[in-house]
Amino acid sequence: MEPGNGTQIIEFLLLGFSEDPALQPLIFGLFLSMYLVTVAGNLLIILAILSDPHLHTPMYFFLSNLSLVDVCFTSTTVPKMLVNIQTQSKAISYAGCITQIYFFILFGVLDNFLLTVMAYDRFVAICHPLHYTVIMNPWLCVQLVLVSWVISVLNSLSHSLLVLQLSFCVHLEIPHFFCELNQVIQIACSDTFPNTMVMYFAAGLLFCGPLAGILYSYSKIISSIHAIPSAQGKYKAFSTCASHLSVVSLFYCTCLGVYFSSSATHNSHSTATASVMYSVVTPMLNPFIYSLRNKDMMGALKRVFSGKP
């Protein structure tokens, strides 16, 4: 590895969770299992939605997109980590690291936007039920997903291009299991002020903005549910939001947990461990949350396994 400008960098070293050789088989088995469950679970959700005409609604259209993004999100980091453990190597190429940064940010922000769009869908369904089919028409649903993709791609591209401008010296060890943007910026030996400013601005705009939208949607949803006279009606209305609310809580709580853990401990290995929650565990749990709490989804999955139409 030659010191100097980033274009001369051959590779970075991903330090992962532990350097203890005895723990590597355990880490490999754990992450391989979680990855396989994540991919299988989310692909089953997509298959069930595509095969069941009753699920061709806006809510399940957004859910199928979320499942696809979750598979891509996890596939950005875990396979490379598994390969490194299996080959007993910590290396990731310079191009591979930039590519990982790009796709990790892309799919992470997309997850965020899709959860916001799904909150809007539930808001319209509960607060404006008579106009739901008119408002949430197929063209609007496609537009919302396309806009989410465009914003996510442009945001990810801006971060990646700024990283390409950085110079790296001799300390090329990243105390993480993937090329996390903040960790890569910290080991640069050139001016990182533009990167830091863009990172915090994007985090404030693309994280806090959608979160505010979700909170606003649910404040209106709760008010509408509270106004329903019957207990059965309240339960039915809330049950349509329960799965989404669970996923939102899991995603944002784990993201905030990573932020606060890194701020409080200043320990990079602690941050890496905490990052597992939103980058691996949350995508793995999403299919279970949506299928176990949803009778329509359970029925569709049963028909997929039984082969019945």
C-alpha atoms as a PDB file:
ATOM      1  CA  MET A   1       0.000   0.000   0.000  1.00  0.00           C
ATOM      2  CA  GLU A   2       1.621   3.212  -1.133  1.00  0.00           C
ATOM      3  CA  PRO A   3       0.985   6.365   0.862  1.00  0.00           C
ATOM      4  CA  GLY A   4      -0.279   9.403  -0.930  1.00  0.00           C
ATOM      5  CA  ASN A   5      -3.315  10.315  -2.937  1.00  0.00           C
ATOM      6  CA  GLY A   6      -6.392   8.069  -2.903  1.00  0.00           C
ATOM      7  CA  THR A   7      -5.858   6.999  -6.500  1.00  0.00           C
ATOM      8  CA  GLN A   8      -2.656   5.210  -5.406  1.00  0.00           C
ATOM      9  CA  ILE A   9      -4.405   3.217  -2.695  1.00  0.00           C
ATOM     10  CA  ILE A  10      -4.484  -0.499  -3.415  1.00  0.00           C
ATOM     11  CA  GLU A  11      -6.670  -1.608  -0.511  1.00  0.00           C
ATOM     12  CA  PHE A  12      -8.112  -0.867   2.907  1.00  0.00           C
ATOM     13  CA  LEU A  13      -8.218  -3.262   5.845  1.00  0.00           C
ATOM     14  CA  LEU A  14     -11.561  -4.024   7.494  1.00  0.00           C
ATOM     15  CA  LEU A  15     -10.834  -4.934  11.115  1.00  0.00           C
ATOM     16  CA  GLY A  16     -14.327  -6.341  11.766  1.00  0.00           C
ATOM     17  CA  PHE A  17     -15.528  -7.280  15.242  1.00  0.00           C
ATOM     18  CA  SER A  18     -12.694  -9.315  16.685  1.00  0.00           C
ATOM     19  CA  GLU A  19      -9.194 -10.381  15.754  1.00  0.00           C
ATOM     20  CA  ASP A  20      -9.435 -13.535  17.873  1.00  0.00           C
ATOM     21  CA  PRO A  21      -9.100 -16.508  15.443  1.00  0.00           C
ATOM     22  CA  ALA A  22     -11.205 -18.690  17.740  1.00  0.00           C
ATOM     23  CA  LEU A  23     -14.217 -16.381  17.284  1.00  0.00           C
ATOM     24  CA  GLN A  24     -14.083 -16.236  13.474  1.00  0.00           C
ATOM     25  CA  PRO A  25     -16.040 -19.497  12.842  1.00  0.00           C
ATOM     26  CA  LEU A  26     -18.744 -18.348  15.263  1.00  0.00           C
ATOM     27  CA  ILE A  27     -19.010 -14.911  13.602  1.00  0.00           C
ATOM     28  CA  PHE A  28     -19.040 -16.548  10.158  1.00  0.00           C
ATOM     29  CA  GLY A  29     -21.812 -18.975  11.085  1.00  0.00           C
ATOM     30  CA  LEU A  30     -23.913 -16.301  12.787  1.00  0.00           C
ATOM     31  CA  PHE A  31     -23.756 -13.823   9.900  1.00  0.00           C
ATOM     32  CA  LEU A  32     -24.197 -16.491   7.229  1.00  0.00           C
ATOM     33  CA  SER A  33     -27.350 -17.683   8.996  1.00  0.00           C
ATOM     34  CA  MET A  34     -28.728 -14.150   9.344  1.00  0.00           C
ATOM     35  CA  TYR A  35     -27.937 -13.361   5.716  1.00  0.00           C
ATOM     36  CA  LEU A  36     -29.644 -16.490   4.383  1.00  0.00           C
ATOM     37  CA  VAL A  37     -32.724 -15.849   6.541  1.00  0.00           C
ATOM     38  CA  THR A  38     -32.829 -12.219   5.352  1.00  0.00           C
ATOM     39  CA  VAL A  39     -32.612 -13.110   1.670  1.00  0.00           C
ATOM     40  CA  ALA A  40     -35.036 -16.045   1.877  1.00  0.00           C
ATOM     41  CA  GLY A  41     -37.572 -14.160   4.017  1.00  0.00           C
ATOM     42  CA  ASN A  42     -37.650 -11.027   1.881  1.00  0.00           C
ATOM     43  CA  LEU A  43     -37.750 -12.937  -1.410  1.00  0.00           C
ATOM     44  CA  LEU A  44     -40.691 -14.963  -0.076  1.00  0.00           C
ATOM     45  CA  ILE A  45     -42.506 -11.726   0.749  1.00  0.00           C
ATOM     46  CA  ILE A  46     -41.924 -10.488  -2.816  1.00  0.00           C
ATOM     47  CA  LEU A  47     -43.022 -13.822  -4.317  1.00  0.00           C
ATOM     48  CA  ALA A  48     -46.181 -13.912  -2.191  1.00  0.00           C
ATOM     49  CA  ILE A  49     -47.150 -10.361  -3.202  1.00  0.00           C
ATOM     50  CA  LEU A  50     -46.486 -10.981  -6.908  1.00  0.00           C
ATOM     51  CA  SER A  51     -48.416 -14.266  -6.967  1.00  0.00           C
ATOM     52  CA  ASP A  52     -51.519 -13.131  -5.046  1.00  0.00           C
ATOM     53  CA  PRO A  53     -53.837 -10.673  -6.888  1.00  0.00           C
ATOM     54  CA  HIS A  54     -55.440  -9.707  -3.556  1.00  0.00           C
ATOM     55  CA  LEU A  55     -52.108  -8.184  -2.525  1.00  0.00           C
ATOM     56  CA  HIS A  56     -51.783  -5.958  -5.584  1.00  0.00           C
ATOM     57  CA  THR A  57     -52.509  -2.843  -3.528  1.00  0.00           C
ATOM     58  CA  PRO A  58     -50.394   0.247  -2.742  1.00  0.00           C
ATOM     59  CA  MET A  59     -49.445  -1.016   0.731  1.00  0.00           C
ATOM     60  CA  TYR A  60     -48.062  -4.307  -0.601  1.00  0.00           C
ATOM     61  CA  PHE A  61     -46.479  -2.623  -3.622  1.00  0.00           C
ATOM     62  CA  PHE A  62     -44.414  -0.511  -1.222  1.00  0.00           C
ATOM     63  CA  LEU A  63     -43.724  -3.562   0.966  1.00  0.00           C
ATOM     64  CA  SER A  64     -42.359  -5.534  -1.992  1.00  0.00           C
ATOM     65  CA  ASN A  65     -40.052  -2.629  -2.810  1.00  0.00           C
ATOM     66  CA  LEU A  66     -38.935  -2.474   0.831  1.00  0.00           C
ATOM     67  CA  SER A  67     -38.172  -6.200   0.813  1.00  0.00           C
ATOM     68  CA  LEU A  68     -36.118  -5.872  -2.380  1.00  0.00           C
ATOM     69  CA  VAL A  69     -34.153  -2.948  -0.923  1.00  0.00           C
ATOM     70  CA  ASP A  70     -33.555  -4.895   2.311  1.00  0.00           C
ATOM     71  CA  VAL A  71     -32.010  -7.775   0.343  1.00  0.00           C
ATOM     72  CA  CYS A  72     -29.747  -5.336  -1.526  1.00  0.00           C
ATOM     73  CA  PHE A  73     -28.920  -3.426   1.666  1.00  0.00           C
ATOM     74  CA  THR A  74     -27.681  -6.545   3.457  1.00  0.00           C
ATOM     75  CA  SER A  75     -25.949  -7.888   0.342  1.00  0.00           C
ATOM     76  CA  THR A  76     -23.824  -4.740   0.179  1.00  0.00           C
ATOM     77  CA  THR A  77     -21.876  -5.600   3.337  1.00  0.00           C
ATOM     78  CA  VAL A  78     -22.356  -9.153   4.622  1.00  0.00           C
ATOM     79  CA  PRO A  79     -21.077 -11.254   1.660  1.00  0.00           C
ATOM     80  CA  LYS A  80     -17.763  -9.364   1.581  1.00  0.00           C
ATOM     81  CA  MET A  81     -17.346  -9.847   5.321  1.00  0.00           C
ATOM     82  CA  LEU A  82     -18.059 -13.587   4.978  1.00  0.00           C
ATOM     83  CA  VAL A  83     -15.531 -13.911   2.144  1.00  0.00           C
ATOM     84  CA  ASN A  84     -12.886 -12.111   4.213  1.00  0.00           C
ATOM     85  CA  ILE A  85     -13.464 -14.406   7.192  1.00  0.00           C
ATOM     86  CA  GLN A  86     -13.367 -17.511   4.997  1.00  0.00           C
ATOM     87  CA  THR A  87     -10.154 -16.437   3.241  1.00  0.00           C
ATOM     88  CA  GLN A  88      -8.652 -15.077   6.487  1.00  0.00           C
ATOM     89  CA  SER A  89      -8.169 -11.716   4.812  1.00  0.00           C
ATOM     90  CA  LYS A  90      -9.190  -8.245   5.967  1.00  0.00           C
ATOM     91  CA  ALA A  91      -8.566  -6.505   2.651  1.00  0.00           C
ATOM     92  CA  ILE A  92     -11.033  -4.620   0.491  1.00  0.00           C
ATOM     93  CA  SER A  93      -9.867  -2.858  -2.651  1.00  0.00           C
ATOM     94  CA  TYR A  94     -10.059   0.921  -2.985  1.00  0.00           C
ATOM     95  CA  ALA A  95     -12.674   0.606  -5.744  1.00  0.00           C
ATOM     96  CA  GLY A  96     -14.546  -2.004  -3.711  1.00  0.00           C
ATOM     97  CA  CYS A  97     -14.623   0.296  -0.687  1.00  0.00           C
ATOM     98  CA  ILE A  98     -15.995   3.254  -2.686  1.00  0.00           C
ATOM     99  CA  THR A  99     -18.578   0.958  -4.294  1.00  0.00           C
ATOM    100  CA  GLN A 100     -19.626  -0.348  -0.885  1.00  0.00           C
ATOM    101  CA  ILE A 101     -20.021   3.204   0.448  1.00  0.00           C
ATOM    102  CA  TYR A 102     -22.161   4.122  -2.562  1.00  0.00           C
ATOM    103  CA  PHE A 103     -24.574   1.201  -2.351  1.00  0.00           C
ATOM    104  CA  PHE A 104     -24.771   1.163   1.453  1.00  0.00           C
ATOM    105  CA  ILE A 105     -25.863   4.819   1.526  1.00  0.00           C
ATOM    106  CA  LEU A 106     -28.158   4.296  -1.473  1.00  0.00           C
ATOM    107  CA  PHE A 107     -30.124   1.413   0.022  1.00  0.00           C
ATOM    108  CA  GLY A 108     -30.044   2.822   3.563  1.00  0.00           C
ATOM    109  CA  VAL A 109     -31.671   6.084   2.430  1.00  0.00           C
ATOM    110  CA  LEU A 110     -34.102   4.162   0.210  1.00  0.00           C
ATOM    111  CA  ASP A 111     -35.207   2.138   3.254  1.00  0.00           C
ATOM    112  CA  ASN A 112     -35.835   5.404   5.034  1.00  0.00           C
ATOM    113  CA  PHE A 113     -37.903   6.882   2.184  1.00  0.00           C
ATOM    114  CA  LEU A 114     -39.952   3.733   1.637  1.00  0.00           C
ATOM    115  CA  LEU A 115     -40.903   3.611   5.313  1.00  0.00           C
ATOM    116  CA  THR A 116     -42.021   7.247   5.003  1.00  0.00           C
ATOM    117  CA  VAL A 117     -44.065   6.518   1.868  1.00  0.00           C
ATOM    118  CA  MET A 118     -45.701   3.572   3.655  1.00  0.00           C
ATOM    119  CA  ALA A 119     -46.595   5.855   6.570  1.00  0.00           C
ATOM    120  CA  TYR A 120     -48.247   8.245   4.091  1.00  0.00           C
ATOM    121  CA  ASP A 121     -50.170   5.311   2.598  1.00  0.00           C
ATOM    122  CA  ARG A 122     -51.501   4.346   6.062  1.00  0.00           C
ATOM    123  CA  PHE A 123     -52.336   8.011   6.755  1.00  0.00           C
ATOM    124  CA  VAL A 124     -54.488   8.229   3.624  1.00  0.00           C
ATOM    125  CA  ALA A 125     -56.108   4.823   4.281  1.00  0.00           C
ATOM    126  CA  ILE A 126     -57.208   5.721   7.818  1.00  0.00           C
ATOM    127  CA  CYS A 127     -57.716   9.483   7.680  1.00  0.00           C
ATOM    128  CA  HIS A 128     -59.230   9.665   4.167  1.00  0.00           C
ATOM    129  CA  PRO A 129     -60.666   6.178   3.531  1.00  0.00           C
ATOM    130  CA  LEU A 130     -63.329   7.322   1.025  1.00  0.00           C
ATOM    131  CA  HIS A 131     -60.710   8.947  -1.197  1.00  0.00           C
ATOM    132  CA  TYR A 132     -58.023   6.280  -0.745  1.00  0.00           C
ATOM    133  CA  THR A 133     -58.299   4.639  -4.173  1.00  0.00           C
ATOM    134  CA  VAL A 134     -58.341   8.034  -5.895  1.00  0.00           C
ATOM    135  CA  ILE A 135     -55.378   9.473  -3.971  1.00  0.00           C
ATOM    136  CA  MET A 136     -53.213   6.340  -3.889  1.00  0.00           C
ATOM    137  CA  ASN A 137     -53.591   5.543  -7.575  1.00  0.00           C
ATOM    138  CA  PRO A 138     -50.986   3.327  -9.315  1.00  0.00           C
ATOM    139  CA  TRP A 139     -49.284   6.277 -11.031  1.00  0.00           C
ATOM    140  CA  LEU A 140     -48.754   8.121  -7.723  1.00  0.00           C
ATOM    141  CA  CYS A 141     -47.345   4.951  -6.121  1.00  0.00           C
ATOM    142  CA  VAL A 142     -44.838   4.526  -8.959  1.00  0.00           C
ATOM    143  CA  GLN A 143     -43.930   8.229  -8.772  1.00  0.00           C
ATOM    144  CA  LEU A 144     -43.282   8.042  -5.023  1.00  0.00           C
ATOM    145  CA  VAL A 145     -40.934   5.072  -5.467  1.00  0.00           C
ATOM    146  CA  LEU A 146     -39.165   6.696  -8.438  1.00  0.00           C
ATOM    147  CA  VAL A 147     -38.628   9.967  -6.560  1.00  0.00           C
ATOM    148  CA  SER A 148     -37.235   7.974  -3.627  1.00  0.00           C
ATOM    149  CA  TRP A 149     -34.780   6.253  -5.975  1.00  0.00           C
ATOM    150  CA  VAL A 150     -33.683   9.472  -7.665  1.00  0.00           C
ATOM    151  CA  ILE A 151     -33.025  11.321  -4.399  1.00  0.00           C
ATOM    152  CA  SER A 152     -31.201   8.307  -2.936  1.00  0.00           C
ATOM    153  CA  VAL A 153     -29.008   7.874  -6.026  1.00  0.00           C
ATOM    154  CA  LEU A 154     -28.058  11.563  -6.149  1.00  0.00           C
ATOM    155  CA  ASN A 155     -27.304  11.655  -2.418  1.00  0.00           C
ATOM    156  CA  SER A 156     -25.178   8.510  -2.572  1.00  0.00           C
ATOM    157  CA  LEU A 157     -23.359   9.763  -5.654  1.00  0.00           C
ATOM    158  CA  SER A 158     -22.465  13.072  -3.966  1.00  0.00           C
ATOM    159  CA  HIS A 159     -20.920  11.281  -0.965  1.00  0.00           C
ATOM    160  CA  SER A 160     -18.973   8.851  -3.160  1.00  0.00           C
ATOM    161  CA  LEU A 161     -17.580  11.582  -5.408  1.00  0.00           C
ATOM    162  CA  LEU A 162     -16.435  13.568  -2.366  1.00  0.00           C
ATOM    163  CA  VAL A 163     -14.675  10.492  -0.948  1.00  0.00           C
ATOM    164  CA  LEU A 164     -12.846  10.106  -4.274  1.00  0.00           C
ATOM    165  CA  GLN A 165     -11.309  13.543  -3.686  1.00  0.00           C
ATOM    166  CA  LEU A 166      -9.738  12.484  -0.380  1.00  0.00           C
ATOM    167  CA  SER A 167      -6.099  11.502   0.091  1.00  0.00           C
ATOM    168  CA  PHE A 168      -5.090   8.655   2.371  1.00  0.00           C
ATOM    169  CA  CYS A 169      -1.715   8.175   4.016  1.00  0.00           C
ATOM    170  CA  VAL A 170      -0.539   5.108   5.884  1.00  0.00           C
ATOM    171  CA  HIS A 171      -3.327   4.389   8.394  1.00  0.00           C
ATOM    172  CA  LEU A 172      -5.687   2.468   6.141  1.00  0.00           C
ATOM    173  CA  GLU A 173      -7.330   0.307   8.806  1.00  0.00           C
ATOM    174  CA  ILE A 174     -11.102   0.708   9.119  1.00  0.00           C
ATOM    175  CA  PRO A 175     -12.374  -0.470  12.532  1.00  0.00           C
ATOM    176  CA  HIS A 176     -15.629  -1.757  11.053  1.00  0.00           C
ATOM    177  CA  PHE A 177     -16.959  -4.765   9.149  1.00  0.00           C
ATOM    178  CA  PHE A 178     -17.669  -2.636   6.057  1.00  0.00           C
ATOM    179  CA  CYS A 179     -16.563   0.674   4.528  1.00  0.00           C
ATOM    180  CA  GLU A 180     -18.715   2.981   6.615  1.00  0.00           C
ATOM    181  CA  LEU A 181     -18.595   6.566   5.336  1.00  0.00           C
ATOM    182  CA  ASN A 182     -17.726   8.261   8.631  1.00  0.00           C
ATOM    183  CA  GLN A 183     -14.955   5.759   9.396  1.00  0.00           C
ATOM    184  CA  VAL A 184     -13.397   6.235   5.948  1.00  0.00           C
ATOM    185  CA  ILE A 185     -13.484  10.028   6.315  1.00  0.00           C
ATOM    186  CA  GLN A 186     -11.780   9.772   9.716  1.00  0.00           C
ATOM    187  CA  ILE A 187      -8.725   7.945   8.334  1.00  0.00           C
ATOM    188  CA  ALA A 188      -8.171  10.437   5.474  1.00  0.00           C
ATOM    189  CA  CYS A 189      -5.137  12.712   5.758  1.00  0.00           C
ATOM    190  CA  SER A 190      -6.516  15.518   3.572  1.00  0.00           C
ATOM    191  CA  ASP A 191      -9.158  18.151   4.338  1.00  0.00           C
ATOM    192  CA  THR A 192     -12.433  16.386   5.158  1.00  0.00           C
ATOM    193  CA  PHE A 193     -14.514  19.491   5.939  1.00  0.00           C
ATOM    194  CA  PRO A 194     -16.644  19.303   2.729  1.00  0.00           C
ATOM    195  CA  ASN A 195     -17.306  15.589   3.336  1.00  0.00           C
ATOM    196  CA  THR A 196     -18.309  16.179   6.948  1.00  0.00           C
ATOM    197  CA  MET A 197     -20.587  19.099   6.089  1.00  0.00           C
ATOM    198  CA  VAL A 198     -22.351  17.199   3.299  1.00  0.00           C
ATOM    199  CA  MET A 199     -22.664  14.115   5.529  1.00  0.00           C
ATOM    200  CA  TYR A 200     -24.307  16.026   8.391  1.00  0.00           C
ATOM    201  CA  PHE A 201     -26.494  18.089   6.050  1.00  0.00           C
ATOM    202  CA  ALA A 202     -27.717  14.956   4.249  1.00  0.00           C
ATOM    203  CA  ALA A 203     -28.292  13.155   7.556  1.00  0.00           C
ATOM    204  CA  GLY A 204     -30.340  16.067   8.878  1.00  0.00           C
ATOM    205  CA  LEU A 205     -32.360  16.434   5.684  1.00  0.00           C
ATOM    206  CA  LEU A 206     -32.797  12.801   4.618  1.00  0.00           C
ATOM    207  CA  PHE A 207     -33.100  11.260   8.090  1.00  0.00           C
ATOM    208  CA  CYS A 208     -34.865  13.903  10.189  1.00  0.00           C
ATOM    209  CA  GLY A 209     -37.133  14.993   7.318  1.00  0.00           C
ATOM    210  CA  PRO A 210     -38.688  11.560   6.680  1.00  0.00           C
ATOM    211  CA  LEU A 211     -38.853  10.882  10.432  1.00  0.00           C
ATOM    212  CA  ALA A 212     -40.816  14.119  10.894  1.00  0.00           C
ATOM    213  CA  GLY A 213     -43.154  13.014   8.092  1.00  0.00           C
ATOM    214  CA  ILE A 214     -43.710   9.644   9.755  1.00  0.00           C
ATOM    215  CA  LEU A 215     -44.375  11.231  13.150  1.00  0.00           C
ATOM    216  CA  TYR A 216     -46.826  13.699  11.589  1.00  0.00           C
ATOM    217  CA  SER A 217     -48.648  10.887   9.742  1.00  0.00           C
ATOM    218  CA  TYR A 218     -49.003   8.823  12.896  1.00  0.00           C
ATOM    219  CA  SER A 219     -50.145  11.808  14.956  1.00  0.00           C
ATOM    220  CA  LYS A 220     -53.024  12.218  12.474  1.00  0.00           C
ATOM    221  CA  ILE A 221     -53.629   8.457  12.395  1.00  0.00           C
ATOM    222  CA  ILE A 222     -53.858   8.279  16.197  1.00  0.00           C
ATOM    223  CA  SER A 223     -56.301  11.216  16.239  1.00  0.00           C
ATOM    224  CA  SER A 224     -58.491   9.514  13.629  1.00  0.00           C
ATOM    225  CA  ILE A 225     -58.415   6.169  15.457  1.00  0.00           C
ATOM    226  CA  HIS A 226     -59.286   7.907  18.725  1.00  0.00           C
ATOM    227  CA  ALA A 227     -62.380   9.389  17.057  1.00  0.00           C
ATOM    228  CA  ILE A 228     -63.708   5.958  16.019  1.00  0.00           C
ATOM    229  CA  PRO A 229     -66.608   5.137  18.391  1.00  0.00           C
ATOM    230  CA  SER A 230     -66.357   1.327  18.559  1.00  0.00           C
ATOM    231  CA  ALA A 231     -63.505  -0.590  20.164  1.00  0.00           C
ATOM    232  CA  GLN A 232     -63.595  -3.116  17.316  1.00  0.00           C
ATOM    233  CA  GLY A 233     -63.258  -0.321  14.769  1.00  0.00           C
ATOM    234  CA  LYS A 234     -60.284   1.134  16.651  1.00  0.00           C
ATOM    235  CA  TYR A 235     -58.584  -2.266  16.794  1.00  0.00           C
ATOM    236  CA  LYS A 236     -59.155  -2.915  13.079  1.00  0.00           C
ATOM    237  CA  ALA A 237     -57.768   0.503  12.131  1.00  0.00           C
ATOM    238  CA  PHE A 238     -54.727   0.156  14.363  1.00  0.00           C
ATOM    239  CA  SER A 239     -54.002  -3.397  13.200  1.00  0.00           C
ATOM    240  CA  THR A 240     -53.430  -2.115   9.650  1.00  0.00           C
ATOM    241  CA  CYS A 241     -50.569   0.051  10.979  1.00  0.00           C
ATOM    242  CA  ALA A 242     -49.100  -2.297  13.601  1.00  0.00           C
ATOM    243  CA  SER A 243     -46.586  -4.048  11.327  1.00  0.00           C
ATOM    244  CA  HIS A 244     -45.362  -0.829   9.750  1.00  0.00           C
ATOM    245  CA  LEU A 245     -45.091   0.904  13.108  1.00  0.00           C
ATOM    246  CA  SER A 246     -43.050  -2.030  14.452  1.00  0.00           C
ATOM    247  CA  VAL A 247     -40.621  -1.875  11.514  1.00  0.00           C
ATOM    248  CA  VAL A 248     -40.320   1.927  11.769  1.00  0.00           C
ATOM    249  CA  SER A 249     -39.602   1.711  15.501  1.00  0.00           C
ATOM    250  CA  LEU A 250     -36.993  -0.999  14.951  1.00  0.00           C
ATOM    251  CA  PHE A 251     -35.250   0.880  12.120  1.00  0.00           C
ATOM    252  CA  TYR A 252     -35.101   4.302  13.741  1.00  0.00           C
ATOM    253  CA  CYS A 253     -34.324   3.052  17.257  1.00  0.00           C
ATOM    254  CA  THR A 254     -31.373   1.007  15.989  1.00  0.00           C
ATOM    255  CA  CYS A 255     -30.091   3.926  13.852  1.00  0.00           C
ATOM    256  CA  LEU A 256     -30.327   6.287  16.820  1.00  0.00           C
ATOM    257  CA  GLY A 257     -28.690   3.612  18.987  1.00  0.00           C
ATOM    258  CA  VAL A 258     -25.682   3.573  16.649  1.00  0.00           C
ATOM    259  CA  TYR A 259     -25.457   7.362  16.742  1.00  0.00           C
ATOM    260  CA  PHE A 260     -25.651   7.620  20.518  1.00  0.00           C
ATOM    261  CA  SER A 261     -23.313   4.665  21.111  1.00  0.00           C
ATOM    262  CA  SER A 262     -20.638   6.207  18.883  1.00  0.00           C
ATOM    263  CA  SER A 263     -21.102   9.627  20.519  1.00  0.00           C
ATOM    264  CA  ALA A 264     -20.998   8.268  24.059  1.00  0.00           C
ATOM    265  CA  THR A 265     -18.221   5.671  23.822  1.00  0.00           C
ATOM    266  CA  HIS A 266     -16.063   6.972  20.933  1.00  0.00           C
ATOM    267  CA  ASN A 267     -15.327   3.267  20.441  1.00  0.00           C
ATOM    268  CA  SER A 268     -15.300   2.220  16.798  1.00  0.00           C
ATOM    269  CA  HIS A 269     -15.757  -1.482  17.595  1.00  0.00           C
ATOM    270  CA  SER A 270     -18.855  -0.645  19.663  1.00  0.00           C
ATOM    271  CA  THR A 271     -20.191   1.335  16.719  1.00  0.00           C
ATOM    272  CA  ALA A 272     -19.565  -1.622  14.387  1.00  0.00           C
ATOM    273  CA  THR A 273     -21.468  -3.952  16.706  1.00  0.00           C
ATOM    274  CA  ALA A 274     -24.348  -1.499  17.023  1.00  0.00           C
ATOM    275  CA  SER A 275     -24.450  -1.075  13.218  1.00  0.00           C
ATOM    276  CA  VAL A 276     -25.327  -4.758  12.884  1.00  0.00           C
ATOM    277  CA  MET A 277     -28.758  -3.961  14.342  1.00  0.00           C
ATOM    278  CA  TYR A 278     -29.981  -1.696  11.544  1.00  0.00           C
ATOM    279  CA  SER A 279     -27.875  -3.094   8.676  1.00  0.00           C
ATOM    280  CA  VAL A 280     -28.434  -6.829   9.286  1.00  0.00           C
ATOM    281  CA  VAL A 281     -30.925  -7.575  12.075  1.00  0.00           C
ATOM    282  CA  THR A 282     -33.675  -5.148  10.990  1.00  0.00           C
ATOM    283  CA  PRO A 283     -33.815  -6.394   7.349  1.00  0.00           C
ATOM    284  CA  MET A 284     -33.885  -9.959   8.720  1.00  0.00           C
ATOM    285  CA  LEU A 285     -36.808  -9.282  11.073  1.00  0.00           C
ATOM    286  CA  ASN A 286     -38.954  -7.257   8.644  1.00  0.00           C
ATOM    287  CA  PRO A 287     -40.430 -10.299   6.810  1.00  0.00           C
ATOM    288  CA  PHE A 288     -41.372 -11.929  10.120  1.00  0.00           C
ATOM    289  CA  ILE A 289     -43.014  -8.755  11.405  1.00  0.00           C
ATOM    290  CA  TYR A 290     -45.071  -8.279   8.237  1.00  0.00           C
ATOM    291  CA  SER A 291     -46.053 -11.925   7.810  1.00  0.00           C
ATOM    292  CA  LEU A 292     -46.784 -12.951  11.406  1.00  0.00           C
ATOM    293  CA  ARG A 293     -48.970  -9.905  12.091  1.00  0.00           C
ATOM    294  CA  ASN A 294     -50.819  -9.994   8.763  1.00  0.00           C
ATOM    295  CA  LYS A 295     -53.504 -12.558   7.888  1.00  0.00           C
ATOM    296  CA  ASP A 296     -53.484 -11.682   4.163  1.00  0.00           C
ATOM    297  CA  MET A 297     -49.717 -12.171   3.987  1.00  0.00           C
ATOM    298  CA  MET A 298     -49.895 -15.439   5.935  1.00  0.00           C
ATOM    299  CA  GLY A 299     -52.567 -16.691   3.547  1.00  0.00           C
ATOM    300  CA  ALA A 300     -50.491 -15.721   0.500  1.00  0.00           C
ATOM    301  CA  LEU A 301     -47.398 -17.440   1.920  1.00  0.00           C
ATOM    302  CA  LYS A 302     -49.386 -20.613   2.629  1.00  0.00           C
ATOM    303  CA  ARG A 303     -50.596 -20.638  -0.968  1.00  0.00           C
ATOM    304  CA  VAL A 304     -46.994 -20.190  -2.198  1.00  0.00           C
ATOM    305  CA  PHE A 305     -45.816 -23.187  -0.152  1.00  0.00           C
ATOM    306  CA  SER A 306     -48.822 -25.348  -1.059  1.00  0.00           C
ATOM    307  CA  GLY A 307     -48.679 -24.471  -4.752  1.00  0.00           C
ATOM    308  CA  LYS A 308     -52.374 -23.574  -4.791  1.00  0.00           C
ATOM    309  CA  PRO A 309     -53.583 -20.497  -6.713  1.00  0.00           C
END
